[in-house]
Amino acid sequence: MKNLSGKLIKWGIGFFIVFIVLILLNPFGYNSLGYREVVESPTGGKKVVFKSGFYWKMPGSKVTRYPNLVTMDYSDTQSESTVNRSRAKIRFLDATTGMAEIIVKYKMPDAEELQLKIHEDFNGSLSHFANTGLAPYTLECLKNTAQLMESEQHYSGGRSKFSNDFRDQLDYGYYIVDLSEETIIDSTTNETKRIYRSEIRKNANELPERGKNDLKEYGILIASQNVVDVDYEEQVDQKLKKKIEASTRESVSKQNLITAQQEAMTAQAEGKRKLVEIEYQEKQKQTQLIVQAETQVRLAEKDKEKQRIALEAAKLEAAKIKELAEAEAFAKQRIMQADGALEKKLAAYQEVQKLWAGAFAQYQGAIVPQIQTGGNGTAQNGGLDFMQLMSMKAAKDLNLDMNVKNVKK
């Protein structure tokens, strides 16, 4: 038991010593996500660890860390970029200047030999590689892009072209540019001035000719680029201000002109509408008068027709009455000729009898004389005598020839 305990103690001490040695020599490395590490062994061997996590290295090895994306940040704010610099000064084709704020991300090569070449050519320093390799190339492409346009062209809508030209040169190399001189009249000041035109030199295939792209031999690619802003110099700002004011005045003038034209068109349309409305109303009145006149004419014609019909009816009625009267007279004449006008004679006789009977009835004197003289001894009665006389007259009258003579027409 004592021997076993002694061996365990020795083994424990041995493991402890080895553990201490391993900690001191540090044979393990760890690569973080988003990075790669170049490992240089004491014997001169080199390798690149691309995967994240723990890896084995020879004790005493030198480790240099590189980010997978190298960020060049040209701005006035500090960030976690690989290189932080102030805004880059650029000069446009018209000799005006500006301060450009840009961010460019370079992707490091995935091939081990290319990464080792960068490591060797730049003395194993990420800072040296970024400041002496990436930064000059970035600024060269940026400034060369600014030489392709004037500041006025840039702020008047050329920002997109500026960004595209910058990216194209970063990817494939900066353009070789030919300059030409030209005289123009300034759109703001109306002054004649000499300017220069830049044209990208083209090869036989009409493709841009480019300068040497040093990044290609290292297998570096452009992950992204962004021209955040360009702050123009005071002269350009004043020119831009004047142009904006002129453009604003022109826009206001155009708007006023459009408004005036619109108002004139509206007034014209309103006048036409009123004329049409008046014409329509007058036509309505004319139509109404015509209809009324035609109605009156038709009514007059109808009334005339009614009068004509009434006249014809009156004539017919008169003719009818005449015919009836003539027929009745003819009938009476025939009757009178047939009975000797007996009916009329009787009527006349009755009327005469009524008259003397009435008169006799109203007589108040003495019908028989109160004193009689002479005579043949017979009594005299005046009433009886009167009645006898009237009866005799009636009998005589009835025997009279009272025929109605026929009168020929």
Protein backbone atom coordinates (compact mmCIF):
# COMPACT_ATOMS: atom_id res chain seq x y z
CA MET A 1 0.00 0.00 0.00
CA LYS A 2 2.83 2.32 0.81
CA ASN A 3 4.48 1.59 -2.58
CA LEU A 4 1.15 2.23 -4.43
CA SER A 5 0.60 5.48 -2.61
CA GLY A 6 4.14 6.61 -3.46
CA LYS A 7 3.62 5.88 -7.18
CA LEU A 8 0.36 7.83 -7.26
CA ILE A 9 2.02 10.79 -5.66
CA LYS A 10 4.82 10.67 -8.23
CA TRP A 11 2.37 10.44 -11.11
CA GLY A 12 0.39 13.34 -9.74
CA ILE A 13 3.47 15.47 -9.40
CA GLY A 14 4.51 14.55 -12.95
CA PHE A 15 1.14 15.53 -14.44
CA PHE A 16 1.20 18.78 -12.54
CA ILE A 17 4.66 19.62 -13.87
CA VAL A 18 3.57 18.80 -17.44
CA PHE A 19 0.43 20.93 -17.02
CA ILE A 20 2.52 23.86 -15.81
CA VAL A 21 4.89 23.45 -18.76
CA LEU A 22 1.97 23.31 -21.23
CA ILE A 23 0.52 26.49 -19.78
CA LEU A 24 3.86 28.23 -20.02
CA LEU A 25 4.61 27.02 -23.55
CA ASN A 26 0.91 27.49 -24.71
CA PRO A 27 0.71 24.89 -27.55
CA PHE A 28 -2.96 25.76 -28.25
CA GLY A 29 -4.36 28.69 -30.16
CA TYR A 30 -7.89 30.01 -30.64
CA ASN A 31 -9.19 31.73 -33.73
CA SER A 32 -12.24 33.99 -33.24
CA LEU A 33 -15.15 34.17 -35.66
CA GLY A 34 -14.54 36.72 -38.46
CA TYR A 35 -10.77 36.43 -38.32
CA ARG A 36 -7.92 34.32 -39.65
CA GLU A 37 -4.50 33.78 -37.99
CA VAL A 38 -1.07 33.36 -39.52
CA VAL A 39 1.00 31.01 -37.35
CA GLU A 40 4.81 31.10 -37.60
CA SER A 41 6.57 28.19 -35.84
CA PRO A 42 10.04 28.51 -34.26
CA THR A 43 11.38 26.27 -37.01
CA GLY A 44 10.29 28.72 -39.75
CA GLY A 45 7.10 26.98 -40.83
CA LYS A 46 3.98 29.07 -41.61
CA LYS A 47 0.30 28.25 -41.84
CA VAL A 48 -3.01 30.08 -41.93
CA VAL A 49 -5.90 29.10 -39.67
CA PHE A 50 -9.21 30.12 -41.33
CA LYS A 51 -11.67 28.19 -39.17
CA SER A 52 -12.78 29.54 -35.81
CA GLY A 53 -12.05 27.59 -32.64
CA PHE A 54 -9.04 25.92 -30.98
CA TYR A 55 -6.08 24.66 -33.00
CA TRP A 56 -2.65 23.09 -32.27
CA LYS A 57 0.50 25.13 -32.65
CA MET A 58 4.08 24.51 -31.79
CA PRO A 59 5.11 26.08 -28.52
CA GLY A 60 6.85 29.38 -29.11
CA SER A 61 4.99 30.05 -32.37
CA LYS A 62 4.20 33.64 -33.41
CA VAL A 63 0.55 34.38 -34.23
CA THR A 64 -0.66 37.34 -36.34
CA ARG A 65 -4.39 38.01 -36.58
CA TYR A 66 -6.09 39.42 -39.70
CA PRO A 67 -9.78 40.22 -40.07
CA ASN A 68 -11.66 38.56 -42.91
CA LEU A 69 -12.97 42.02 -43.89
CA VAL A 70 -10.64 45.01 -43.69
CA THR A 71 -12.70 48.20 -43.24
CA MET A 72 -11.39 51.58 -44.37
CA ASP A 73 -13.45 54.33 -42.69
CA TYR A 74 -12.85 57.89 -43.86
CA SER A 75 -15.03 59.99 -41.58
CA ASP A 76 -14.81 62.30 -38.59
CA THR A 77 -16.26 59.70 -36.22
CA GLN A 78 -14.39 56.85 -34.62
CA SER A 79 -15.66 53.31 -35.24
CA GLU A 80 -14.49 49.72 -34.86
CA SER A 81 -13.08 49.74 -38.37
CA THR A 82 -9.64 48.45 -39.24
CA VAL A 83 -8.46 51.91 -40.26
CA ASN A 84 -10.07 55.16 -39.07
CA ARG A 85 -9.13 58.33 -40.89
CA SER A 86 -10.63 61.78 -41.38
CA ARG A 87 -12.60 62.60 -44.50
CA ALA A 88 -10.66 62.48 -47.74
CA LYS A 89 -10.08 65.67 -49.71
CA ILE A 90 -11.02 65.41 -53.38
CA ARG A 91 -10.80 67.87 -56.29
CA PHE A 92 -13.40 67.96 -59.03
CA LEU A 93 -12.76 68.65 -62.69
CA ASP A 94 -13.59 72.37 -62.26
CA ALA A 95 -10.82 72.64 -59.62
CA THR A 96 -13.28 72.99 -56.74
CA THR A 97 -12.73 70.77 -53.73
CA GLY A 98 -14.76 68.77 -51.29
CA MET A 99 -14.37 66.48 -48.29
CA ALA A 100 -15.62 62.98 -49.01
CA GLU A 101 -16.87 60.62 -46.33
CA ILE A 102 -16.49 57.02 -47.54
CA ILE A 103 -16.45 53.47 -46.16
CA VAL A 104 -14.82 50.62 -48.10
CA LYS A 105 -14.68 46.99 -46.99
CA TYR A 106 -12.02 44.72 -48.53
CA LYS A 107 -12.37 40.96 -48.41
CA MET A 108 -9.12 39.11 -47.64
CA PRO A 109 -8.19 36.12 -49.88
CA ASP A 110 -9.36 32.63 -48.97
CA ALA A 111 -6.23 30.97 -50.40
CA GLU A 112 -3.45 30.30 -47.88
CA GLU A 113 -0.59 31.18 -50.24
CA LEU A 114 -2.13 34.60 -51.01
CA GLN A 115 -2.68 35.36 -47.34
CA LEU A 116 0.92 34.38 -46.61
CA LYS A 117 2.10 36.60 -49.48
CA ILE A 118 0.32 39.58 -47.91
CA HIS A 119 1.81 38.65 -44.58
CA GLU A 120 5.33 38.52 -46.02
CA ASP A 121 5.11 41.62 -48.28
CA PHE A 122 3.80 43.83 -45.50
CA ASN A 123 6.10 42.59 -42.75
CA GLY A 124 3.38 40.68 -40.96
CA SER A 125 1.57 43.87 -39.95
CA LEU A 126 -2.13 44.48 -40.56
CA SER A 127 -1.67 48.22 -39.95
CA HIS A 128 1.20 48.37 -42.45
CA PHE A 129 -0.88 46.48 -45.01
CA ALA A 130 -3.94 48.76 -44.54
CA ASN A 131 -2.05 52.07 -44.49
CA THR A 132 0.46 51.41 -47.25
CA GLY A 133 -1.53 49.01 -49.43
CA LEU A 134 -5.26 49.54 -49.17
CA ALA A 135 -5.40 53.23 -48.22
CA PRO A 136 -3.38 54.58 -51.18
CA TYR A 137 -5.34 52.48 -53.68
CA THR A 138 -8.64 53.61 -52.14
CA LEU A 139 -7.72 57.31 -52.31
CA GLU A 140 -6.32 56.97 -55.84
CA CYS A 141 -9.62 55.51 -57.10
CA LEU A 142 -11.61 58.12 -55.17
CA LYS A 143 -9.67 61.12 -56.45
CA ASN A 144 -9.60 59.77 -59.98
CA THR A 145 -13.41 59.46 -59.83
CA ALA A 146 -13.72 63.11 -58.75
CA GLN A 147 -11.72 64.16 -61.83
CA LEU A 148 -14.44 62.71 -64.08
CA MET A 149 -17.03 65.41 -63.27
CA GLU A 150 -17.48 68.96 -62.04
CA SER A 151 -18.89 69.74 -58.63
CA GLU A 152 -22.02 71.19 -60.26
CA GLN A 153 -22.55 67.94 -62.14
CA HIS A 154 -22.08 66.02 -58.90
CA TYR A 155 -24.62 67.95 -56.83
CA SER A 156 -27.00 68.22 -59.81
CA GLY A 157 -27.63 64.49 -59.97
CA GLY A 158 -24.23 62.90 -60.54
CA ARG A 159 -23.90 61.24 -57.17
CA SER A 160 -25.02 57.87 -58.51
CA LYS A 161 -22.51 58.02 -61.37
CA PHE A 162 -19.80 59.05 -58.92
CA SER A 163 -20.52 56.03 -56.73
CA ASN A 164 -20.66 53.62 -59.69
CA ASP A 165 -17.40 54.90 -61.18
CA PHE A 166 -15.71 54.65 -57.78
CA ARG A 167 -16.81 51.04 -57.33
CA ASP A 168 -15.81 50.07 -60.87
CA GLN A 169 -12.28 51.38 -60.34
CA LEU A 170 -11.98 49.69 -56.96
CA ASP A 171 -12.94 46.36 -58.57
CA TYR A 172 -10.91 46.49 -61.77
CA GLY A 173 -8.40 49.33 -61.47
CA TYR A 174 -8.51 53.09 -61.92
CA TYR A 175 -9.30 54.64 -65.31
CA ILE A 176 -6.76 56.25 -67.59
CA VAL A 177 -8.31 59.64 -68.33
CA ASP A 178 -7.62 62.08 -71.20
CA LEU A 179 -8.33 65.79 -70.62
CA SER A 180 -9.54 68.30 -73.22
CA GLU A 181 -9.98 72.07 -72.97
CA GLU A 182 -13.27 73.82 -73.81
CA THR A 183 -14.82 77.29 -73.44
CA ILE A 184 -18.38 77.61 -72.16
CA ILE A 185 -20.74 80.18 -70.60
CA ASP A 186 -21.45 79.70 -66.92
CA SER A 187 -25.17 79.01 -66.34
CA THR A 188 -25.21 81.07 -63.13
CA THR A 189 -22.98 84.06 -63.77
CA ASN A 190 -23.20 84.13 -67.60
CA GLU A 191 -19.46 84.54 -67.68
CA THR A 192 -17.28 82.94 -70.33
CA LYS A 193 -14.73 80.62 -68.81
CA ARG A 194 -12.36 77.90 -69.79
CA ILE A 195 -13.04 74.42 -68.55
CA TYR A 196 -11.62 70.99 -69.10
CA ARG A 197 -13.41 67.89 -70.25
CA SER A 198 -12.32 64.46 -69.13
CA GLU A 199 -12.84 61.36 -71.19
CA ILE A 200 -12.06 57.79 -70.22
CA ARG A 201 -9.61 56.29 -72.66
CA LYS A 202 -11.05 53.26 -74.46
CA ASN A 203 -9.27 50.29 -76.04
CA ALA A 204 -10.07 48.61 -79.35
CA ASN A 205 -12.97 46.77 -77.71
CA GLU A 206 -14.44 50.06 -76.41
CA LEU A 207 -13.57 49.07 -72.85
CA PRO A 208 -11.92 51.47 -70.40
CA GLU A 209 -8.14 51.32 -70.20
CA ARG A 210 -6.99 50.99 -66.62
CA GLY A 211 -3.94 51.40 -64.50
CA LYS A 212 -2.37 48.52 -62.63
CA ASN A 213 -4.55 46.98 -59.93
CA ASP A 214 -2.18 45.86 -57.17
CA LEU A 215 -4.97 44.22 -55.23
CA LYS A 216 -5.59 41.60 -57.91
CA GLU A 217 -2.25 39.85 -57.32
CA TYR A 218 -3.24 39.43 -53.68
CA GLY A 219 -6.73 38.08 -54.46
CA ILE A 220 -8.43 40.87 -52.54
CA LEU A 221 -12.06 41.64 -53.45
CA ILE A 222 -14.33 44.58 -52.71
CA ALA A 223 -17.06 43.49 -50.29
CA SER A 224 -18.84 46.87 -50.25
CA GLN A 225 -18.26 50.55 -50.76
CA ASN A 226 -20.33 53.58 -49.78
CA VAL A 227 -19.86 57.25 -50.53
CA VAL A 228 -21.68 58.61 -47.49
CA ASP A 229 -21.41 62.33 -48.23
CA VAL A 230 -19.36 65.04 -49.94
CA ASP A 231 -18.99 68.39 -48.20
CA TYR A 232 -18.20 71.03 -50.84
CA GLU A 233 -15.99 74.03 -50.26
CA GLU A 234 -17.58 77.44 -49.54
CA GLN A 235 -17.31 78.58 -53.15
CA VAL A 236 -19.30 75.58 -54.33
CA ASP A 237 -21.85 76.03 -51.56
CA GLN A 238 -22.40 79.66 -52.61
CA LYS A 239 -22.72 78.62 -56.23
CA LEU A 240 -25.11 75.87 -55.25
CA LYS A 241 -27.10 78.34 -53.15
CA LYS A 242 -27.40 80.75 -56.09
CA LYS A 243 -28.42 77.94 -58.39
CA ILE A 244 -31.02 76.75 -55.91
CA GLU A 245 -32.37 80.30 -55.58
CA ALA A 246 -32.45 80.71 -59.36
CA SER A 247 -34.05 77.32 -59.74
CA THR A 248 -36.57 78.21 -57.06
CA ARG A 249 -37.41 81.51 -58.77
CA GLU A 250 -37.72 79.72 -62.10
CA SER A 251 -39.88 77.07 -60.52
CA VAL A 252 -42.07 79.71 -58.87
CA SER A 253 -42.30 81.62 -62.16
CA LYS A 254 -43.25 78.47 -64.00
CA GLN A 255 -45.80 77.65 -61.33
CA ASN A 256 -47.21 81.17 -61.51
CA LEU A 257 -47.36 80.88 -65.30
CA ILE A 258 -49.06 77.52 -65.05
CA THR A 259 -51.46 78.94 -62.46
CA ALA A 260 -52.21 81.97 -64.67
CA GLN A 261 -52.72 79.75 -67.69
CA GLN A 262 -54.93 77.47 -65.67
CA GLU A 263 -56.93 80.42 -64.37
CA ALA A 264 -57.26 81.80 -67.93
CA MET A 265 -58.39 78.40 -69.17
CA THR A 266 -60.78 78.15 -66.25
CA ALA A 267 -62.17 81.63 -66.94
CA GLN A 268 -62.49 80.82 -70.62
CA ALA A 269 -64.20 77.56 -69.83
CA GLU A 270 -66.46 79.33 -67.33
CA GLY A 271 -67.31 82.00 -69.95
CA LYS A 272 -68.10 79.34 -72.51
CA ARG A 273 -70.19 77.52 -69.96
CA LYS A 274 -72.14 80.70 -69.19
CA LEU A 275 -72.62 81.41 -72.91
CA VAL A 276 -73.86 77.92 -73.45
CA GLU A 277 -76.14 78.28 -70.44
CA ILE A 278 -77.49 81.64 -71.71
CA GLU A 279 -77.92 80.24 -75.21
CA TYR A 280 -79.69 77.24 -73.78
CA GLN A 281 -81.97 79.44 -71.68
CA GLU A 282 -82.75 81.68 -74.67
CA LYS A 283 -83.45 78.65 -76.81
CA GLN A 284 -85.74 77.41 -74.08
CA LYS A 285 -87.57 80.75 -74.12
CA GLN A 286 -87.77 80.71 -77.93
CA THR A 287 -89.03 77.17 -77.89
CA GLN A 288 -91.57 78.08 -75.25
CA LEU A 289 -92.79 81.08 -77.28
CA ILE A 290 -92.96 79.00 -80.45
CA VAL A 291 -94.89 76.31 -78.62
CA GLN A 292 -97.23 78.91 -77.14
CA ALA A 293 -97.77 80.53 -80.56
CA GLU A 294 -98.36 77.18 -82.21
CA THR A 295 -100.71 76.29 -79.37
CA GLN A 296 -102.65 79.54 -79.83
CA VAL A 297 -102.85 78.95 -83.58
CA ARG A 298 -104.08 75.44 -83.03
CA LEU A 299 -106.55 76.66 -80.41
CA ALA A 300 -107.77 79.37 -82.80
CA GLU A 301 -108.13 76.79 -85.53
CA LYS A 302 -109.99 74.55 -83.13
CA ASP A 303 -112.24 77.45 -82.05
CA LYS A 304 -112.83 78.38 -85.70
CA GLU A 305 -113.67 74.79 -86.41
CA LYS A 306 -116.06 74.77 -83.44
CA GLN A 307 -117.72 78.00 -84.68
CA ARG A 308 -118.00 76.59 -88.16
CA ILE A 309 -119.55 73.43 -86.76
CA ALA A 310 -121.88 75.54 -84.55
CA LEU A 311 -122.85 77.68 -87.55
CA GLU A 312 -123.54 74.61 -89.60
CA ALA A 313 -125.54 73.20 -86.70
CA ALA A 314 -127.45 76.49 -86.35
CA LYS A 315 -128.15 76.50 -90.05
CA LEU A 316 -129.34 72.93 -89.88
CA GLU A 317 -131.44 73.73 -86.81
CA ALA A 318 -132.94 76.79 -88.52
CA ALA A 319 -133.66 74.77 -91.61
CA LYS A 320 -135.19 72.11 -89.43
CA ILE A 321 -137.38 74.64 -87.58
CA LYS A 322 -138.40 76.17 -90.87
CA GLU A 323 -139.29 72.83 -92.27
CA LEU A 324 -141.22 71.91 -89.11
CA ALA A 325 -143.05 75.26 -89.13
CA GLU A 326 -143.92 74.91 -92.78
CA ALA A 327 -145.04 71.35 -92.20
CA GLU A 328 -147.19 72.39 -89.24
CA ALA A 329 -148.67 75.34 -91.15
CA PHE A 330 -149.35 73.09 -94.08
CA ALA A 331 -151.00 70.56 -91.77
CA LYS A 332 -153.16 73.24 -90.12
CA GLN A 333 -154.04 74.62 -93.51
CA ARG A 334 -155.11 71.21 -94.66
CA ILE A 335 -157.13 70.70 -91.50
CA MET A 336 -158.81 74.07 -91.86
CA GLN A 337 -159.60 73.33 -95.50
CA ALA A 338 -161.01 69.99 -94.47
CA ASP A 339 -163.39 71.18 -91.64
CA GLY A 340 -163.94 74.80 -92.68
CA ALA A 341 -161.85 76.06 -89.83
CA LEU A 342 -164.47 74.80 -87.44
CA GLU A 343 -162.08 74.59 -84.56
CA LYS A 344 -161.11 78.24 -84.82
CA LYS A 345 -164.73 79.32 -85.30
CA LEU A 346 -165.80 77.47 -82.17
CA ALA A 347 -162.96 78.94 -80.22
CA ALA A 348 -163.92 82.42 -81.34
CA TYR A 349 -167.58 81.78 -80.61
CA GLN A 350 -166.79 80.50 -77.13
CA GLU A 351 -164.70 83.56 -76.41
CA VAL A 352 -167.52 85.89 -77.55
CA GLN A 353 -170.08 84.03 -75.46
CA LYS A 354 -167.82 84.28 -72.44
CA LEU A 355 -167.52 88.02 -72.91
CA TRP A 356 -171.29 88.87 -73.15
CA ALA A 357 -172.16 86.26 -70.48
CA GLY A 358 -169.72 87.87 -68.18
CA ALA A 359 -170.93 91.28 -68.98
CA PHE A 360 -174.57 90.23 -68.46
CA ALA A 361 -173.70 88.61 -65.17
CA GLN A 362 -172.15 91.81 -63.91
CA TYR A 363 -175.19 93.95 -64.96
CA GLN A 364 -176.80 95.51 -61.82
CA GLY A 365 -179.90 97.14 -63.36
CA ALA A 366 -183.44 95.79 -63.72
CA ILE A 367 -183.84 93.44 -66.51
CA VAL A 368 -187.71 93.75 -66.47
CA PRO A 369 -189.18 97.35 -66.50
CA GLN A 370 -190.92 98.40 -63.33
CA ILE A 371 -193.60 100.42 -65.12
CA GLN A 372 -195.12 99.27 -68.34
CA THR A 373 -197.54 101.24 -70.56
CA GLY A 374 -199.41 100.20 -73.55
CA GLY A 375 -198.97 96.76 -74.89
CA ASN A 376 -201.22 94.10 -75.95
CA GLY A 377 -201.77 92.95 -72.46
CA THR A 378 -198.75 90.53 -72.47
CA ALA A 379 -195.91 90.79 -70.09
CA GLN A 380 -192.44 91.89 -71.47
CA ASN A 381 -189.13 90.32 -70.22
CA GLY A 382 -185.93 92.12 -71.38
CA GLY A 383 -183.55 89.38 -70.20
CA LEU A 384 -185.36 86.75 -72.10
CA ASP A 385 -185.45 88.96 -75.12
CA PHE A 386 -181.67 89.57 -74.88
CA MET A 387 -180.97 85.89 -74.55
CA GLN A 388 -183.20 85.14 -77.48
CA LEU A 389 -181.40 87.72 -79.57
CA MET A 390 -177.96 86.31 -78.63
CA SER A 391 -179.14 82.78 -79.44
CA MET A 392 -180.39 83.94 -82.78
CA LYS A 393 -177.06 85.69 -83.44
CA ALA A 394 -175.19 82.55 -82.51
CA ALA A 395 -177.30 80.48 -84.83
CA LYS A 396 -176.69 82.98 -87.58
CA ASP A 397 -173.07 83.11 -86.88
CA LEU A 398 -172.80 79.37 -87.15
CA ASN A 399 -174.30 79.55 -90.58
CA LEU A 400 -171.79 82.21 -91.72
CA ASP A 401 -169.31 81.30 -94.43
CA MET A 402 -166.08 81.62 -92.49
CA ASN A 403 -163.94 79.43 -94.74
CA VAL A 404 -160.24 80.18 -94.79
CA LYS A 405 -159.23 80.80 -98.28
CA ASN A 406 -156.16 78.89 -99.53
CA VAL A 407 -153.40 81.36 -100.26
CA LYS A 408 -151.12 80.20 -103.00
CA LYS A 409 -147.40 80.92 -102.69
